[in-house]
Amino acid sequence: MGIGTGIAVYFIIWWMTLFVSLPFRMKSQLEEGEIVEGTEVAAPRNPKMAKRLAWNTLISGGVFFVFWFVVYYLGFGVDSIPEFIPIRKI
């Protein structure tokens, strides 16, 4: 796996873990009881995005390390997938 592929895979893992982790421990304005006028009641009261992004970076780094270890040291990759469709010779 080259450096460009590694960066692309990390980027995809980072966004996936961000979207998975966004709803956790999030309280809406309605749940808190303090609704700011002119906003949606389901909007988060205090999302703490800097903290979420920092944790997301650490978690996605760990997931990427596992992916890299499996690909680099264990040798799994696209060529490891068995071929299910037989090739017909003409």
PDB file of N, CA and C in Angstrom:
ATOM      1  N   MET A   1       0.852  -1.164   0.000  1.00  0.00           N
ATOM      2  CA  MET A   1       0.000   0.000   0.000  1.00  0.00           C
ATOM      3  C   MET A   1       0.900   1.229   0.000  1.00  0.00           C
ATOM      4  N   GLY A   2       0.669   2.093  -0.958  1.00  0.00           N
ATOM      5  CA  GLY A   2       1.460   3.308  -1.067  1.00  0.00           C
ATOM      6  C   GLY A   2       0.966   4.387  -0.118  1.00  0.00           C
ATOM      7  N   ILE A   3       1.702   5.487  -0.052  1.00  0.00           N
ATOM      8  CA  ILE A   3       1.355   6.581   0.856  1.00  0.00           C
ATOM      9  C   ILE A   3       0.043   7.245   0.445  1.00  0.00           C
ATOM     10  N   GLY A   4      -0.184   7.389  -0.850  1.00  0.00           N
ATOM     11  CA  GLY A   4      -1.429   7.995  -1.320  1.00  0.00           C
ATOM     12  C   GLY A   4      -2.639   7.137  -0.987  1.00  0.00           C
ATOM     13  N   THR A   5      -2.488   5.821  -1.163  1.00  0.00           N
ATOM     14  CA  THR A   5      -3.575   4.902  -0.821  1.00  0.00           C
ATOM     15  C   THR A   5      -3.831   4.920   0.680  1.00  0.00           C
ATOM     16  N   GLY A   6      -2.780   4.954   1.465  1.00  0.00           N
ATOM     17  CA  GLY A   6      -2.925   5.011   2.916  1.00  0.00           C
ATOM     18  C   GLY A   6      -3.656   6.261   3.379  1.00  0.00           C
ATOM     19  N   ILE A   7      -3.323   7.401   2.779  1.00  0.00           N
ATOM     20  CA  ILE A   7      -4.001   8.651   3.131  1.00  0.00           C
ATOM     21  C   ILE A   7      -5.471   8.589   2.738  1.00  0.00           C
ATOM     22  N   ALA A   8      -5.756   8.046   1.564  1.00  0.00           N
ATOM     23  CA  ALA A   8      -7.143   7.934   1.110  1.00  0.00           C
ATOM     24  C   ALA A   8      -7.950   7.000   2.020  1.00  0.00           C
ATOM     25  N   VAL A   9      -7.370   5.880   2.408  1.00  0.00           N
ATOM     26  CA  VAL A   9      -8.068   4.942   3.287  1.00  0.00           C
ATOM     27  C   VAL A   9      -8.285   5.581   4.659  1.00  0.00           C
ATOM     28  N   TYR A  10      -7.280   6.271   5.194  1.00  0.00           N
ATOM     29  CA  TYR A  10      -7.445   6.954   6.488  1.00  0.00           C
ATOM     30  C   TYR A  10      -8.543   8.008   6.407  1.00  0.00           C
ATOM     31  N   PHE A  11      -8.592   8.748   5.319  1.00  0.00           N
ATOM     32  CA  PHE A  11      -9.611   9.777   5.124  1.00  0.00           C
ATOM     33  C   PHE A  11     -11.009   9.155   5.146  1.00  0.00           C
ATOM     34  N   ILE A  12     -11.187   8.035   4.474  1.00  0.00           N
ATOM     35  CA  ILE A  12     -12.482   7.358   4.453  1.00  0.00           C
ATOM     36  C   ILE A  12     -12.838   6.828   5.840  1.00  0.00           C
ATOM     37  N   ILE A  13     -11.876   6.214   6.517  1.00  0.00           N
ATOM     38  CA  ILE A  13     -12.123   5.701   7.875  1.00  0.00           C
ATOM     39  C   ILE A  13     -12.465   6.856   8.815  1.00  0.00           C
ATOM     40  N   TRP A  14     -11.770   7.983   8.687  1.00  0.00           N
ATOM     41  CA  TRP A  14     -12.017   9.134   9.558  1.00  0.00           C
ATOM     42  C   TRP A  14     -13.457   9.624   9.415  1.00  0.00           C
ATOM     43  N   TRP A  15     -13.931   9.780   8.169  1.00  0.00           N
ATOM     44  CA  TRP A  15     -15.300  10.260   7.963  1.00  0.00           C
ATOM     45  C   TRP A  15     -16.331   9.246   8.435  1.00  0.00           C
ATOM     46  N   MET A  16     -16.060   7.966   8.206  1.00  0.00           N
ATOM     47  CA  MET A  16     -17.012   6.943   8.653  1.00  0.00           C
ATOM     48  C   MET A  16     -17.124   6.934  10.175  1.00  0.00           C
ATOM     49  N   THR A  17     -16.006   7.003  10.882  1.00  0.00           N
ATOM     50  CA  THR A  17     -16.073   7.014  12.344  1.00  0.00           C
ATOM     51  C   THR A  17     -16.701   8.305  12.861  1.00  0.00           C
ATOM     52  N   LEU A  18     -16.514   9.410  12.152  1.00  0.00           N
ATOM     53  CA  LEU A  18     -17.160  10.657  12.558  1.00  0.00           C
ATOM     54  C   LEU A  18     -18.677  10.525  12.478  1.00  0.00           C
ATOM     55  N   PHE A  19     -19.185  10.024  11.356  1.00  0.00           N
ATOM     56  CA  PHE A  19     -20.633   9.896  11.202  1.00  0.00           C
ATOM     57  C   PHE A  19     -21.221   8.882  12.169  1.00  0.00           C
ATOM     58  N   VAL A  20     -20.462   7.857  12.516  1.00  0.00           N
ATOM     59  CA  VAL A  20     -20.944   6.870  13.477  1.00  0.00           C
ATOM     60  C   VAL A  20     -20.982   7.466  14.883  1.00  0.00           C
ATOM     61  N   SER A  21     -19.994   8.273  15.232  1.00  0.00           N
ATOM     62  CA  SER A  21     -19.885   8.768  16.604  1.00  0.00           C
ATOM     63  C   SER A  21     -20.664  10.051  16.878  1.00  0.00           C
ATOM     64  N   LEU A  22     -21.144  10.740  15.867  1.00  0.00           N
ATOM     65  CA  LEU A  22     -21.837  12.010  16.105  1.00  0.00           C
ATOM     66  C   LEU A  22     -23.061  11.906  17.016  1.00  0.00           C
ATOM     67  N   PRO A  23     -23.920  10.914  16.875  1.00  0.00           N
ATOM     68  CA  PRO A  23     -25.126  10.904  17.717  1.00  0.00           C
ATOM     69  C   PRO A  23     -24.887  10.523  19.180  1.00  0.00           C
ATOM     70  N   PHE A  24     -23.744   9.953  19.526  1.00  0.00           N
ATOM     71  CA  PHE A  24     -23.515   9.499  20.895  1.00  0.00           C
ATOM     72  C   PHE A  24     -23.379  10.670  21.858  1.00  0.00           C
ATOM     73  N   ARG A  25     -24.044  10.561  23.003  1.00  0.00           N
ATOM     74  CA  ARG A  25     -23.996  11.530  24.092  1.00  0.00           C
ATOM     75  C   ARG A  25     -24.353  12.942  23.644  1.00  0.00           C
ATOM     76  N   MET A  26     -25.252  13.056  22.672  1.00  0.00           N
ATOM     77  CA  MET A  26     -25.689  14.348  22.166  1.00  0.00           C
ATOM     78  C   MET A  26     -27.071  14.641  22.750  1.00  0.00           C
ATOM     79  N   LYS A  27     -27.235  15.821  23.347  1.00  0.00           N
ATOM     80  CA  LYS A  27     -28.527  16.218  23.897  1.00  0.00           C
ATOM     81  C   LYS A  27     -29.061  17.391  23.097  1.00  0.00           C
ATOM     82  N   SER A  28     -30.329  17.296  22.733  1.00  0.00           N
ATOM     83  CA  SER A  28     -30.939  18.356  21.947  1.00  0.00           C
ATOM     84  C   SER A  28     -31.368  19.504  22.854  1.00  0.00           C
ATOM     85  N   GLN A  29     -31.725  20.604  22.223  1.00  0.00           N
ATOM     86  CA  GLN A  29     -32.199  21.757  22.975  1.00  0.00           C
ATOM     87  C   GLN A  29     -33.501  21.419  23.697  1.00  0.00           C
ATOM     88  N   LEU A  30     -34.319  20.593  23.091  1.00  0.00           N
ATOM     89  CA  LEU A  30     -35.589  20.201  23.702  1.00  0.00           C
ATOM     90  C   LEU A  30     -35.356  19.375  24.962  1.00  0.00           C
ATOM     91  N   GLU A  31     -34.379  18.454  24.911  1.00  0.00           N
ATOM     92  CA  GLU A  31     -34.060  17.639  26.078  1.00  0.00           C
ATOM     93  C   GLU A  31     -33.473  18.478  27.210  1.00  0.00           C
ATOM     94  N   GLU A  32     -32.702  19.487  26.871  1.00  0.00           N
ATOM     95  CA  GLU A  32     -32.094  20.356  27.876  1.00  0.00           C
ATOM     96  C   GLU A  32     -33.086  21.369  28.434  1.00  0.00           C
ATOM     97  N   GLY A  33     -34.132  21.657  27.664  1.00  0.00           N
ATOM     98  CA  GLY A  33     -35.136  22.614  28.112  1.00  0.00           C
ATOM     99  C   GLY A  33     -34.791  24.056  27.832  1.00  0.00           C
ATOM    100  N   GLU A  34     -33.736  24.318  27.094  1.00  0.00           N
ATOM    101  CA  GLU A  34     -33.331  25.680  26.742  1.00  0.00           C
ATOM    102  C   GLU A  34     -33.301  25.818  25.225  1.00  0.00           C
ATOM    103  N   ILE A  35     -34.394  26.279  24.651  1.00  0.00           N
ATOM    104  CA  ILE A  35     -34.505  26.394  23.198  1.00  0.00           C
ATOM    105  C   ILE A  35     -34.172  27.825  22.790  1.00  0.00           C
ATOM    106  N   VAL A  36     -33.192  27.962  21.921  1.00  0.00           N
ATOM    107  CA  VAL A  36     -32.808  29.267  21.396  1.00  0.00           C
ATOM    108  C   VAL A  36     -33.788  29.625  20.290  1.00  0.00           C
ATOM    109  N   GLU A  37     -34.358  30.811  20.390  1.00  0.00           N
ATOM    110  CA  GLU A  37     -35.362  31.214  19.420  1.00  0.00           C
ATOM    111  C   GLU A  37     -34.761  31.318  18.020  1.00  0.00           C
ATOM    112  N   GLY A  38     -35.484  30.778  17.048  1.00  0.00           N
ATOM    113  CA  GLY A  38     -35.038  30.811  15.664  1.00  0.00           C
ATOM    114  C   GLY A  38     -34.250  29.584  15.245  1.00  0.00           C
ATOM    115  N   THR A  39     -34.077  28.622  16.154  1.00  0.00           N
ATOM    116  CA  THR A  39     -33.357  27.394  15.815  1.00  0.00           C
ATOM    117  C   THR A  39     -34.292  26.197  15.927  1.00  0.00           C
ATOM    118  N   GLU A  40     -33.878  25.096  15.363  1.00  0.00           N
ATOM    119  CA  GLU A  40     -34.634  23.848  15.437  1.00  0.00           C
ATOM    120  C   GLU A  40     -34.524  23.284  16.848  1.00  0.00           C
ATOM    121  N   VAL A  41     -35.640  22.752  17.364  1.00  0.00           N
ATOM    122  CA  VAL A  41     -35.619  22.227  18.732  1.00  0.00           C
ATOM    123  C   VAL A  41     -34.757  20.970  18.842  1.00  0.00           C
ATOM    124  N   ALA A  42     -34.544  20.260  17.735  1.00  0.00           N
ATOM    125  CA  ALA A  42     -33.727  19.050  17.752  1.00  0.00           C
ATOM    126  C   ALA A  42     -32.237  19.348  17.592  1.00  0.00           C
ATOM    127  N   ALA A  43     -31.880  20.617  17.420  1.00  0.00           N
ATOM    128  CA  ALA A  43     -30.468  20.979  17.284  1.00  0.00           C
ATOM    129  C   ALA A  43     -29.741  20.716  18.600  1.00  0.00           C
ATOM    130  N   PRO A  44     -28.477  20.281  18.517  1.00  0.00           N
ATOM    131  CA  PRO A  44     -27.750  20.000  19.758  1.00  0.00           C
ATOM    132  C   PRO A  44     -27.511  21.263  20.575  1.00  0.00           C
ATOM    133  N   ARG A  45     -27.579  21.099  21.877  1.00  0.00           N
ATOM    134  CA  ARG A  45     -27.380  22.238  22.779  1.00  0.00           C
ATOM    135  C   ARG A  45     -25.910  22.625  22.853  1.00  0.00           C
ATOM    136  N   ASN A  46     -25.048  21.665  23.107  1.00  0.00           N
ATOM    137  CA  ASN A  46     -23.608  21.934  23.200  1.00  0.00           C
ATOM    138  C   ASN A  46     -22.873  20.750  22.569  1.00  0.00           C
ATOM    139  N   PRO A  47     -22.606  20.799  21.268  1.00  0.00           N
ATOM    140  CA  PRO A  47     -22.051  19.619  20.590  1.00  0.00           C
ATOM    141  C   PRO A  47     -20.598  19.302  20.948  1.00  0.00           C
ATOM    142  N   LYS A  48     -19.818  20.250  21.456  1.00  0.00           N
ATOM    143  CA  LYS A  48     -18.401  20.044  21.798  1.00  0.00           C
ATOM    144  C   LYS A  48     -17.644  19.395  20.630  1.00  0.00           C
ATOM    145  N   MET A  49     -17.683  20.053  19.484  1.00  0.00           N
ATOM    146  CA  MET A  49     -17.129  19.476  18.262  1.00  0.00           C
ATOM    147  C   MET A  49     -15.608  19.308  18.315  1.00  0.00           C
ATOM    148  N   ALA A  50     -14.894  20.197  18.958  1.00  0.00           N
ATOM    149  CA  ALA A  50     -13.432  20.048  19.015  1.00  0.00           C
ATOM    150  C   ALA A  50     -13.057  18.765  19.746  1.00  0.00           C
ATOM    151  N   LYS A  51     -13.736  18.491  20.847  1.00  0.00           N
ATOM    152  CA  LYS A  51     -13.481  17.267  21.601  1.00  0.00           C
ATOM    153  C   LYS A  51     -13.865  16.041  20.785  1.00  0.00           C
ATOM    154  N   ARG A  52     -14.999  16.117  20.081  1.00  0.00           N
ATOM    155  CA  ARG A  52     -15.442  15.002  19.247  1.00  0.00           C
ATOM    156  C   ARG A  52     -14.460  14.731  18.103  1.00  0.00           C
ATOM    157  N   LEU A  53     -13.955  15.782  17.481  1.00  0.00           N
ATOM    158  CA  LEU A  53     -13.012  15.612  16.376  1.00  0.00           C
ATOM    159  C   LEU A  53     -11.688  15.032  16.862  1.00  0.00           C
ATOM    160  N   ALA A  54     -11.254  15.439  18.055  1.00  0.00           N
ATOM    161  CA  ALA A  54     -10.008  14.897  18.605  1.00  0.00           C
ATOM    162  C   ALA A  54     -10.157  13.405  18.904  1.00  0.00           C
ATOM    163  N   TRP A  55     -11.258  13.019  19.562  1.00  0.00           N
ATOM    164  CA  TRP A  55     -11.495  11.602  19.840  1.00  0.00           C
ATOM    165  C   TRP A  55     -11.654  10.810  18.552  1.00  0.00           C
ATOM    166  N   ASN A  56     -12.337  11.405  17.576  1.00  0.00           N
ATOM    167  CA  ASN A  56     -12.535  10.728  16.298  1.00  0.00           C
ATOM    168  C   ASN A  56     -11.199  10.472  15.608  1.00  0.00           C
ATOM    169  N   THR A  57     -10.281  11.414  15.680  1.00  0.00           N
ATOM    170  CA  THR A  57      -8.964  11.249  15.071  1.00  0.00           C
ATOM    171  C   THR A  57      -8.201  10.108  15.734  1.00  0.00           C
ATOM    172  N   LEU A  58      -8.276  10.018  17.061  1.00  0.00           N
ATOM    173  CA  LEU A  58      -7.598   8.932  17.772  1.00  0.00           C
ATOM    174  C   LEU A  58      -8.211   7.569  17.442  1.00  0.00           C
ATOM    175  N   ILE A  59      -9.522   7.495  17.441  1.00  0.00           N
ATOM    176  CA  ILE A  59     -10.202   6.223  17.159  1.00  0.00           C
ATOM    177  C   ILE A  59      -9.945   5.782  15.723  1.00  0.00           C
ATOM    178  N   SER A  60     -10.057   6.709  14.775  1.00  0.00           N
ATOM    179  CA  SER A  60      -9.823   6.339  13.379  1.00  0.00           C
ATOM    180  C   SER A  60      -8.360   5.976  13.147  1.00  0.00           C
ATOM    181  N   GLY A  61      -7.446   6.568  13.906  1.00  0.00           N
ATOM    182  CA  GLY A  61      -6.043   6.166  13.822  1.00  0.00           C
ATOM    183  C   GLY A  61      -5.847   4.727  14.257  1.00  0.00           C
ATOM    184  N   GLY A  62      -6.546   4.324  15.318  1.00  0.00           N
ATOM    185  CA  GLY A  62      -6.483   2.933  15.767  1.00  0.00           C
ATOM    186  C   GLY A  62      -7.080   1.968  14.756  1.00  0.00           C
ATOM    187  N   VAL A  63      -8.212   2.345  14.179  1.00  0.00           N
ATOM    188  CA  VAL A  63      -8.843   1.498  13.158  1.00  0.00           C
ATOM    189  C   VAL A  63      -7.933   1.384  11.940  1.00  0.00           C
ATOM    190  N   PHE A  64      -7.319   2.497  11.545  1.00  0.00           N
ATOM    191  CA  PHE A  64      -6.407   2.464  10.404  1.00  0.00           C
ATOM    192  C   PHE A  64      -5.188   1.604  10.698  1.00  0.00           C
ATOM    193  N   PHE A  65      -4.677   1.658  11.933  1.00  0.00           N
ATOM    194  CA  PHE A  65      -3.534   0.827  12.285  1.00  0.00           C
ATOM    195  C   PHE A  65      -3.876  -0.649  12.149  1.00  0.00           C
ATOM    196  N   VAL A  66      -5.075  -1.053  12.596  1.00  0.00           N
ATOM    197  CA  VAL A  66      -5.502  -2.447  12.450  1.00  0.00           C
ATOM    198  C   VAL A  66      -5.595  -2.811  10.969  1.00  0.00           C
ATOM    199  N   PHE A  67      -6.174  -1.920  10.162  1.00  0.00           N
ATOM    200  CA  PHE A  67      -6.272  -2.155   8.719  1.00  0.00           C
ATOM    201  C   PHE A  67      -4.887  -2.298   8.101  1.00  0.00           C
ATOM    202  N   TRP A  68      -3.985  -1.392   8.452  1.00  0.00           N
ATOM    203  CA  TRP A  68      -2.620  -1.424   7.902  1.00  0.00           C
ATOM    204  C   TRP A  68      -1.896  -2.700   8.317  1.00  0.00           C
ATOM    205  N   PHE A  69      -2.047  -3.120   9.566  1.00  0.00           N
ATOM    206  CA  PHE A  69      -1.414  -4.335  10.057  1.00  0.00           C
ATOM    207  C   PHE A  69      -1.912  -5.555   9.284  1.00  0.00           C
ATOM    208  N   VAL A  70      -3.223  -5.622   9.057  1.00  0.00           N
ATOM    209  CA  VAL A  70      -3.785  -6.758   8.322  1.00  0.00           C
ATOM    210  C   VAL A  70      -3.288  -6.777   6.883  1.00  0.00           C
ATOM    211  N   VAL A  71      -3.226  -5.634   6.257  1.00  0.00           N
ATOM    212  CA  VAL A  71      -2.788  -5.572   4.855  1.00  0.00           C
ATOM    213  C   VAL A  71      -1.286  -5.791   4.740  1.00  0.00           C
ATOM    214  N   TYR A  72      -0.492  -5.126   5.574  1.00  0.00           N
ATOM    215  CA  TYR A  72       0.956  -5.138   5.417  1.00  0.00           C
ATOM    216  C   TYR A  72       1.603  -6.408   5.978  1.00  0.00           C
ATOM    217  N   TYR A  73       1.273  -6.762   7.204  1.00  0.00           N
ATOM    218  CA  TYR A  73       1.937  -7.895   7.844  1.00  0.00           C
ATOM    219  C   TYR A  73       1.270  -9.237   7.573  1.00  0.00           C
ATOM    220  N   LEU A  74      -0.053  -9.257   7.505  1.00  0.00           N
ATOM    221  CA  LEU A  74      -0.748 -10.520   7.272  1.00  0.00           C
ATOM    222  C   LEU A  74      -0.945 -10.815   5.790  1.00  0.00           C
ATOM    223  N   GLY A  75      -0.762  -9.822   4.952  1.00  0.00           N
ATOM    224  CA  GLY A  75      -0.784 -10.032   3.507  1.00  0.00           C
ATOM    225  C   GLY A  75      -2.159 -10.118   2.880  1.00  0.00           C
ATOM    226  N   PHE A  76      -3.194  -9.710   3.584  1.00  0.00           N
ATOM    227  CA  PHE A  76      -4.518  -9.728   2.983  1.00  0.00           C
ATOM    228  C   PHE A  76      -4.705  -8.505   2.106  1.00  0.00           C
ATOM    229  N   GLY A  77      -5.396  -8.691   1.002  1.00  0.00           N
ATOM    230  CA  GLY A  77      -5.664  -7.600   0.086  1.00  0.00           C
ATOM    231  C   GLY A  77      -6.717  -8.017  -0.913  1.00  0.00           C
ATOM    232  N   VAL A  78      -6.815  -7.268  -1.989  1.00  0.00           N
ATOM    233  CA  VAL A  78      -7.807  -7.562  -3.014  1.00  0.00           C
ATOM    234  C   VAL A  78      -7.516  -8.912  -3.670  1.00  0.00           C
ATOM    235  N   ASP A  79      -6.254  -9.269  -3.809  1.00  0.00           N
ATOM    236  CA  ASP A  79      -5.898 -10.540  -4.429  1.00  0.00           C
ATOM    237  C   ASP A  79      -6.225 -11.737  -3.537  1.00  0.00           C
ATOM    238  N   SER A  80      -6.510 -11.496  -2.254  1.00  0.00           N
ATOM    239  CA  SER A  80      -6.837 -12.585  -1.338  1.00  0.00           C
ATOM    240  C   SER A  80      -8.294 -13.030  -1.439  1.00  0.00           C
ATOM    241  N   ILE A  81      -9.117 -12.241  -2.120  1.00  0.00           N
ATOM    242  CA  ILE A  81     -10.535 -12.580  -2.265  1.00  0.00           C
ATOM    243  C   ILE A  81     -10.649 -13.703  -3.290  1.00  0.00           C
ATOM    244  N   PRO A  82     -11.310 -14.797  -2.919  1.00  0.00           N
ATOM    245  CA  PRO A  82     -11.428 -15.901  -3.880  1.00  0.00           C
ATOM    246  C   PRO A  82     -12.314 -15.524  -5.062  1.00  0.00           C
ATOM    247  N   GLU A  83     -12.021 -16.118  -6.182  1.00  0.00           N
ATOM    248  CA  GLU A  83     -12.784 -15.843  -7.393  1.00  0.00           C
ATOM    249  C   GLU A  83     -13.994 -16.774  -7.423  1.00  0.00           C
ATOM    250  N   PHE A  84     -15.181 -16.206  -7.454  1.00  0.00           N
ATOM    251  CA  PHE A  84     -16.406 -16.996  -7.420  1.00  0.00           C
ATOM    252  C   PHE A  84     -16.972 -17.265  -8.817  1.00  0.00           C
ATOM    253  N   ILE A  85     -16.658 -16.409  -9.771  1.00  0.00           N
ATOM    254  CA  ILE A  85     -17.161 -16.580 -11.127  1.00  0.00           C
ATOM    255  C   ILE A  85     -16.057 -17.217 -11.976  1.00  0.00           C
ATOM    256  N   PRO A  86     -16.300 -18.423 -12.457  1.00  0.00           N
ATOM    257  CA  PRO A  86     -15.268 -19.049 -13.272  1.00  0.00           C
ATOM    258  C   PRO A  86     -15.102 -18.337 -14.624  1.00  0.00           C
ATOM    259  N   ILE A  87     -13.888 -18.269 -15.084  1.00  0.00           N
ATOM    260  CA  ILE A  87     -13.606 -17.636 -16.357  1.00  0.00           C
ATOM    261  C   ILE A  87     -13.763 -18.691 -17.450  1.00  0.00           C
ATOM    262  N   ARG A  88     -14.587 -18.368 -18.437  1.00  0.00           N
ATOM    263  CA  ARG A  88     -14.802 -19.290 -19.542  1.00  0.00           C
ATOM    264  C   ARG A  88     -13.774 -19.030 -20.642  1.00  0.00           C
ATOM    265  N   LYS A  89     -13.192 -20.080 -21.114  1.00  0.00           N
ATOM    266  CA  LYS A  89     -12.244 -19.949 -22.219  1.00  0.00           C
ATOM    267  C   LYS A  89     -12.995 -20.202 -23.506  1.00  0.00           C
ATOM    268  N   ILE A  90     -12.721 -19.345 -24.461  1.00  0.00           N
ATOM    269  CA  ILE A  90     -13.407 -19.452 -25.758  1.00  0.00           C
ATOM    270  C   ILE A  90     -12.652 -20.356 -26.684  1.00  0.00           C
TER     271      ILE A  90
END
